[in-house]
């Protein structure tokens, strides 16, 4: 053990061991991953605006509360259509030579996972309102308000994006316009979508599935429909609010809506499936039913909840009626 008395040899051996371990533990596995994983064919490169938005996402510490990883357990199925794969992160590159922010998988879910938020919530109007003050659309939200991404001025200039904010949330009179940074951040959020696998049979399964209420009902000889109130809270409430009154100038009310109360539910169903552009009075509604892959029974439950809540009182729809109208609407879109 004479080399303990020789600092040069001691340092050389320690350095050599460190380099060997680094090569086997870090460098070689990274090179193997890079060879074996490539972006999925359907993945899309971030636009220049979305790249800037990603930098803002990092700078504002959003990764501290939001993950971007769908685990292969059933409780994560709400965040994406399938569990995440290494290929989902293959096209992400270093910010620059010194900084490696290739993935933003995160470790905490203080807020929802954002893996596929561009599919779940693609509305630019909703995202801008949510950034200005999350409590406007989600009353219980603990997310901070990002007011510095917006300006309040007497009137908007040509080309500026006006954000419909209720007066009670404004600090001064005037119109609220989104700064370029707000639009960039929203562009990044809208870009977050899971790419489809080329072969549907290769989709990994979600583990530990719980027996659904419908399955439990069938086992006992009873028929149990999905919970319309819970489905409304998941897919509709953020915009139209728990009381169905929407937000003035941003999202229309469902309470007393002639579309909701129409005995013929075709228009209502078409809006759920295909979305609706109600500008300039309201923002653009995304195709919630299609984006979330809602089943006819789930859409039926949502429609019936809206048609019988908040004082609304009109005929309920059946699953067979929803299925028939869905086929007719799809037929209309192909012509």
Protein backbone atom coordinates (compact mmCIF):
# COMPACT_ATOMS: atom_id res chain seq x y z
CA UNK A 1 0.00 0.00 0.00
CA UNK A 2 3.01 2.21 -0.59
CA UNK A 3 1.06 4.35 -3.11
CA UNK A 4 -0.83 6.01 -0.22
CA UNK A 5 2.42 7.82 0.46
CA UNK A 6 2.64 8.99 -3.16
CA UNK A 7 0.05 11.70 -3.92
CA UNK A 8 0.65 11.48 -7.66
CA UNK A 9 -0.08 7.76 -7.84
CA UNK A 10 -3.01 8.07 -5.45
CA UNK A 11 -4.60 10.83 -7.53
CA UNK A 12 -3.91 8.95 -10.78
CA UNK A 13 -5.58 5.75 -9.54
CA UNK A 14 -8.61 7.66 -8.22
CA UNK A 15 -8.95 9.59 -11.48
CA UNK A 16 -8.62 6.43 -13.56
CA UNK A 17 -11.31 4.66 -11.51
CA UNK A 18 -13.61 7.67 -11.84
CA UNK A 19 -13.19 7.76 -15.64
CA UNK A 20 -13.83 4.02 -16.00
CA UNK A 21 -16.97 4.19 -13.87
CA UNK A 22 -18.20 7.27 -15.76
CA UNK A 23 -17.78 5.46 -19.07
CA UNK A 24 -19.65 2.33 -17.93
CA UNK A 25 -22.33 3.97 -15.79
CA UNK A 26 -23.12 7.14 -17.77
CA UNK A 27 -21.58 7.46 -21.22
CA UNK A 28 -22.09 3.96 -22.66
CA UNK A 29 -25.72 3.59 -21.46
CA UNK A 30 -26.52 7.04 -22.88
CA UNK A 31 -25.03 6.10 -26.26
CA UNK A 32 -26.99 2.83 -26.23
CA UNK A 33 -30.23 4.67 -25.49
CA UNK A 34 -29.55 7.11 -28.29
CA UNK A 35 -29.00 4.26 -30.78
CA UNK A 36 -32.00 2.23 -29.68
CA UNK A 37 -34.60 5.01 -29.34
CA UNK A 38 -35.84 7.28 -32.10
CA UNK A 39 -38.79 9.71 -32.23
CA UNK A 40 -42.13 8.12 -33.11
CA UNK A 41 -43.23 8.68 -36.73
CA UNK A 42 -46.15 10.84 -35.62
CA UNK A 43 -44.15 13.09 -33.31
CA UNK A 44 -43.87 16.77 -34.25
CA UNK A 45 -40.88 19.03 -33.64
CA UNK A 46 -41.55 22.07 -31.50
CA UNK A 47 -42.13 25.28 -33.44
CA UNK A 48 -39.98 28.32 -32.74
CA UNK A 49 -42.80 29.81 -30.64
CA UNK A 50 -43.20 26.57 -28.67
CA UNK A 51 -39.41 26.38 -28.10
CA UNK A 52 -39.51 29.84 -26.54
CA UNK A 53 -42.53 28.75 -24.52
CA UNK A 54 -40.61 25.75 -23.21
CA UNK A 55 -37.83 28.07 -22.04
CA UNK A 56 -40.47 30.14 -20.19
CA UNK A 57 -41.93 26.96 -18.71
CA UNK A 58 -38.48 26.14 -17.32
CA UNK A 59 -37.69 29.69 -16.20
CA UNK A 60 -40.94 29.94 -14.22
CA UNK A 61 -40.37 26.63 -12.44
CA UNK A 62 -43.51 24.96 -13.82
CA UNK A 63 -41.80 21.55 -13.65
CA UNK A 64 -41.85 21.83 -9.85
CA UNK A 65 -45.62 21.16 -9.83
CA UNK A 66 -46.34 19.53 -13.21
CA UNK A 67 -45.03 16.20 -14.46
CA UNK A 68 -44.80 15.03 -18.05
CA UNK A 69 -44.86 11.27 -17.58
CA UNK A 70 -47.73 8.82 -17.86
CA UNK A 71 -46.91 5.77 -15.77
CA UNK A 72 -48.23 2.32 -16.68
CA UNK A 73 -50.72 2.23 -13.80
CA UNK A 74 -54.47 2.66 -14.21
CA UNK A 75 -54.59 5.82 -12.05
CA UNK A 76 -52.49 7.61 -14.73
CA UNK A 77 -54.87 6.79 -17.57
CA UNK A 78 -56.58 10.17 -17.15
CA UNK A 79 -53.36 11.90 -18.30
CA UNK A 80 -52.84 10.09 -21.61
CA UNK A 81 -54.12 7.41 -23.95
CA UNK A 82 -51.15 5.13 -23.19
CA UNK A 83 -48.19 4.85 -20.81
CA UNK A 84 -45.11 6.87 -21.74
CA UNK A 85 -42.26 5.32 -23.75
CA UNK A 86 -38.57 6.26 -24.12
CA UNK A 87 -39.36 7.24 -27.73
CA UNK A 88 -41.61 10.03 -26.42
CA UNK A 89 -38.49 11.87 -25.23
CA UNK A 90 -36.10 10.86 -28.04
CA UNK A 91 -36.33 14.11 -30.03
CA UNK A 92 -35.68 16.39 -27.07
CA UNK A 93 -32.28 18.06 -27.22
CA UNK A 94 -30.05 20.07 -24.91
CA UNK A 95 -30.88 23.73 -24.52
CA UNK A 96 -27.23 24.53 -25.20
CA UNK A 97 -23.76 23.12 -24.43
CA UNK A 98 -23.95 23.99 -20.74
CA UNK A 99 -27.58 23.25 -19.94
CA UNK A 100 -29.39 19.94 -20.25
CA UNK A 101 -33.14 20.42 -20.02
CA UNK A 102 -33.97 17.71 -22.52
CA UNK A 103 -36.84 16.22 -20.50
CA UNK A 104 -39.27 17.83 -18.09
CA UNK A 105 -40.67 14.65 -16.56
CA UNK A 106 -40.91 16.18 -13.07
CA UNK A 107 -41.45 14.48 -9.73
CA UNK A 108 -44.51 16.21 -8.22
CA UNK A 109 -48.15 16.38 -9.27
CA UNK A 110 -49.26 19.37 -7.26
CA UNK A 111 -50.93 20.25 -10.58
CA UNK A 112 -52.13 17.93 -13.37
CA UNK A 113 -49.71 16.00 -15.57
CA UNK A 114 -49.10 17.83 -18.85
CA UNK A 115 -48.01 14.96 -21.11
CA UNK A 116 -51.08 15.33 -23.31
CA UNK A 117 -52.54 18.65 -22.14
CA UNK A 118 -52.54 19.88 -25.75
CA UNK A 119 -55.16 17.21 -26.46
CA UNK A 120 -57.10 17.53 -23.20
CA UNK A 121 -57.23 21.34 -23.18
CA UNK A 122 -56.27 22.74 -26.62
CA UNK A 123 -58.23 26.00 -26.28
CA UNK A 124 -55.94 29.04 -26.54
CA UNK A 125 -58.57 31.22 -24.87
CA UNK A 126 -58.90 28.90 -21.88
CA UNK A 127 -55.14 28.62 -21.41
CA UNK A 128 -54.67 32.40 -21.49
CA UNK A 129 -57.43 32.96 -18.93
CA UNK A 130 -55.92 30.19 -16.79
CA UNK A 131 -52.46 31.79 -16.91
CA UNK A 132 -53.83 35.23 -15.99
CA UNK A 133 -55.50 33.81 -12.90
CA UNK A 134 -56.22 30.08 -12.50
CA UNK A 135 -59.01 30.79 -9.98
CA UNK A 136 -61.14 32.21 -12.80
CA UNK A 137 -61.64 28.76 -14.32
CA UNK A 138 -60.67 26.42 -11.45
CA UNK A 139 -61.86 27.89 -8.16
CA UNK A 140 -59.83 25.52 -5.97
CA UNK A 141 -56.54 25.93 -7.90
CA UNK A 142 -53.35 26.62 -5.91
CA UNK A 143 -51.39 27.63 -9.02
CA UNK A 144 -49.97 31.18 -8.91
CA UNK A 145 -51.32 33.82 -11.27
CA UNK A 146 -48.95 34.89 -14.06
CA UNK A 147 -50.24 38.45 -14.46
CA UNK A 148 -46.85 39.71 -15.63
CA UNK A 149 -47.43 37.88 -18.89
CA UNK A 150 -50.29 40.31 -19.66
CA UNK A 151 -50.88 44.06 -20.04
CA UNK A 152 -53.98 46.07 -19.18
CA UNK A 153 -54.54 49.06 -21.44
CA UNK A 154 -57.43 51.34 -22.48
CA UNK A 155 -57.78 49.57 -25.82
CA UNK A 156 -55.94 46.88 -27.77
CA UNK A 157 -53.75 47.70 -30.74
CA UNK A 158 -54.13 45.96 -34.08
CA UNK A 159 -52.90 42.38 -33.97
CA UNK A 160 -52.90 42.09 -30.17
CA UNK A 161 -54.67 39.16 -28.50
CA UNK A 162 -57.41 40.32 -26.14
CA UNK A 163 -58.13 38.01 -23.19
CA UNK A 164 -61.67 37.98 -21.78
CA UNK A 165 -61.25 38.48 -18.03
CA UNK A 166 -64.18 39.01 -15.63
CA UNK A 167 -64.14 42.53 -14.14
CA UNK A 168 -63.89 41.13 -10.61
CA UNK A 169 -60.42 39.76 -11.42
CA UNK A 170 -59.07 42.96 -12.98
CA UNK A 171 -56.98 45.41 -10.95
CA UNK A 172 -57.74 48.34 -13.25
CA UNK A 173 -60.20 49.23 -15.99
CA UNK A 174 -59.37 48.45 -19.60
CA UNK A 175 -58.78 45.43 -21.79
CA UNK A 176 -56.32 42.68 -20.96
CA UNK A 177 -53.95 41.72 -23.78
CA UNK A 178 -51.51 38.83 -23.85
CA UNK A 179 -47.80 39.61 -24.15
CA UNK A 180 -45.75 37.55 -26.64
CA UNK A 181 -44.42 35.51 -23.70
CA UNK A 182 -47.94 34.39 -22.75
CA UNK A 183 -48.66 33.31 -26.32
CA UNK A 184 -45.34 31.43 -26.47
CA UNK A 185 -46.07 29.58 -23.24
CA UNK A 186 -49.54 28.62 -24.51
CA UNK A 187 -48.00 27.46 -27.81
CA UNK A 188 -45.75 25.10 -25.83
CA UNK A 189 -48.68 23.76 -23.77
CA UNK A 190 -50.74 23.22 -26.95
CA UNK A 191 -47.84 21.26 -28.48
CA UNK A 192 -47.82 18.68 -25.67
CA UNK A 193 -49.59 15.68 -27.22
CA UNK A 194 -48.85 11.97 -27.18
CA UNK A 195 -47.91 10.66 -30.61
CA UNK A 196 -49.85 7.66 -31.90
CA UNK A 197 -47.99 4.36 -32.12
CA UNK A 198 -47.70 3.02 -35.70
CA UNK A 199 -49.11 -0.34 -34.62
CA UNK A 200 -52.04 -0.08 -32.18
CA UNK A 201 -51.30 -3.60 -30.93
CA UNK A 202 -47.99 -2.32 -29.53
CA UNK A 203 -49.69 0.02 -27.06
CA UNK A 204 -48.62 -0.95 -23.52
CA UNK A 205 -51.39 -1.82 -21.10
CA UNK A 206 -52.26 0.12 -17.98
CA UNK A 207 -51.79 -2.10 -14.93
CA UNK A 208 -53.95 -2.57 -11.84
CA UNK A 209 -57.24 -1.67 -13.49
CA UNK A 210 -60.07 -1.26 -11.00
CA UNK A 211 -63.42 -2.87 -11.66
CA UNK A 212 -65.72 -0.20 -13.06
CA UNK A 213 -69.10 0.61 -11.64
CA UNK A 214 -70.68 -0.71 -14.85
CA UNK A 215 -68.91 -4.05 -14.42
CA UNK A 216 -69.98 -4.24 -10.77
CA UNK A 217 -73.56 -3.49 -11.73
CA UNK A 218 -73.61 -6.15 -14.44
CA UNK A 219 -72.20 -8.70 -12.01
CA UNK A 220 -75.11 -8.07 -9.64
CA UNK A 221 -77.67 -7.94 -12.43
CA UNK A 222 -77.99 -4.15 -12.30
CA UNK A 223 -77.20 -1.63 -15.03
CA UNK A 224 -75.08 1.30 -13.84
CA UNK A 225 -74.41 4.29 -16.10
CA UNK A 226 -71.30 6.49 -15.88
CA UNK A 227 -71.46 9.39 -13.44
CA UNK A 228 -72.48 12.40 -15.55
CA UNK A 229 -71.62 14.92 -12.83
CA UNK A 230 -68.10 13.50 -12.46
CA UNK A 231 -67.57 13.44 -16.23
CA UNK A 232 -68.80 17.03 -16.48
CA UNK A 233 -66.36 18.06 -13.73
CA UNK A 234 -63.50 16.39 -15.61
CA UNK A 235 -64.20 17.59 -19.16
CA UNK A 236 -66.49 20.65 -19.02
CA UNK A 237 -66.44 22.37 -15.65
CA UNK A 238 -63.17 24.26 -16.13
CA UNK A 239 -64.85 26.44 -18.76
CA UNK A 240 -68.59 26.28 -18.07
CA UNK A 241 -68.13 26.30 -14.27
CA UNK A 242 -69.67 24.11 -11.59
CA UNK A 243 -72.88 26.17 -11.60
CA UNK A 244 -73.22 25.96 -15.38
CA UNK A 245 -73.15 29.75 -15.74
CA UNK A 246 -69.86 29.94 -17.69
CA UNK A 247 -67.74 33.10 -17.69
CA UNK A 248 -69.05 36.32 -19.19
CA UNK A 249 -67.24 37.11 -22.44
CA UNK A 250 -65.17 33.94 -22.31
CA UNK A 251 -67.23 30.74 -22.02
CA UNK A 252 -71.00 30.54 -22.63
CA UNK A 253 -73.48 29.43 -19.93
CA UNK A 254 -75.16 26.05 -20.14
CA UNK A 255 -77.81 27.09 -17.62
CA UNK A 256 -80.84 28.07 -19.68
CA UNK A 257 -78.99 27.51 -22.97
CA UNK A 258 -81.35 27.01 -25.92
CA UNK A 259 -78.91 24.44 -27.36
CA UNK A 260 -78.91 22.41 -24.13
CA UNK A 261 -82.69 22.67 -23.76
CA UNK A 262 -83.46 21.80 -27.40
CA UNK A 263 -85.51 18.55 -27.45
CA UNK A 264 -83.38 17.47 -30.43
CA UNK A 265 -79.87 16.86 -28.99
CA UNK A 266 -78.09 16.69 -32.37
CA UNK A 267 -76.62 20.22 -32.21
CA UNK A 268 -75.45 19.72 -28.63
CA UNK A 269 -73.86 16.40 -29.50
CA UNK A 270 -72.17 17.86 -32.60
CA UNK A 271 -70.59 20.61 -30.46
CA UNK A 272 -69.27 18.03 -27.97
CA UNK A 273 -67.81 15.90 -30.76
CA UNK A 274 -66.53 18.58 -33.17
CA UNK A 275 -66.15 21.72 -31.06
CA UNK A 276 -67.60 25.14 -31.88
CA UNK A 277 -66.32 28.58 -32.86
CA UNK A 278 -68.46 31.18 -31.07
CA UNK A 279 -66.19 34.17 -31.72
CA UNK A 280 -66.28 37.12 -31.20
CA UNK A 281 -68.72 36.70 -28.30
CA UNK A 282 -66.97 33.65 -26.78
CA UNK A 283 -63.81 31.65 -27.26
CA UNK A 284 -63.38 28.58 -29.46
CA UNK A 285 -64.53 25.34 -27.87
CA UNK A 286 -62.34 22.30 -28.66
CA UNK A 287 -63.74 18.94 -29.72
CA UNK A 288 -63.95 17.62 -26.16
CA UNK A 289 -65.69 14.33 -26.94
CA UNK A 290 -63.29 13.43 -29.76
CA UNK A 291 -60.14 14.61 -27.98
CA UNK A 292 -60.98 12.62 -24.85
CA UNK A 293 -62.22 9.56 -26.80
CA UNK A 294 -65.48 9.61 -24.85
CA UNK A 295 -67.73 6.59 -25.29
CA UNK A 296 -71.42 7.02 -26.24
CA UNK A 297 -72.47 6.13 -22.68
CA UNK A 298 -70.14 8.80 -21.26
CA UNK A 299 -71.42 11.46 -23.67
CA UNK A 300 -74.98 10.42 -22.80
CA UNK A 301 -74.21 10.89 -19.10
CA UNK A 302 -72.73 14.38 -19.69
CA UNK A 303 -75.65 15.50 -21.88
CA UNK A 304 -78.24 14.26 -19.39
CA UNK A 305 -76.42 15.96 -16.51
CA UNK A 306 -76.41 19.29 -18.35
CA UNK A 307 -80.06 18.93 -19.46
CA UNK A 308 -81.29 18.28 -15.88
CA UNK A 309 -79.04 20.54 -13.75
CA UNK A 310 -79.05 24.23 -12.65
CA UNK A 311 -82.79 24.51 -13.30
CA UNK A 312 -82.59 22.96 -16.78
CA UNK A 313 -85.41 20.51 -17.32
CA UNK A 314 -85.75 18.77 -20.65
CA UNK A 315 -85.91 15.22 -21.98
CA UNK A 316 -82.98 12.90 -21.38
CA UNK A 317 -81.25 11.07 -24.23
CA UNK A 318 -80.66 7.35 -24.50
CA UNK A 319 -77.40 5.59 -25.38
CA UNK A 320 -78.98 4.28 -28.58
CA UNK A 321 -79.99 7.81 -29.60
CA UNK A 322 -76.48 9.12 -28.93
CA UNK A 323 -74.91 6.30 -30.96
CA UNK A 324 -77.28 6.90 -33.89
CA UNK A 325 -76.64 10.66 -33.89
CA UNK A 326 -72.87 10.13 -33.60
CA UNK A 327 -72.94 8.04 -36.78
CA UNK A 328 -75.03 10.69 -38.55
CA UNK A 329 -72.65 13.48 -37.47
CA UNK A 330 -69.61 11.50 -38.63
CA UNK A 331 -71.38 10.92 -41.94
CA UNK A 332 -72.01 14.67 -42.29
CA UNK A 333 -68.31 15.45 -41.71
CA UNK A 334 -67.17 13.12 -44.49
CA UNK A 335 -69.28 14.74 -47.16
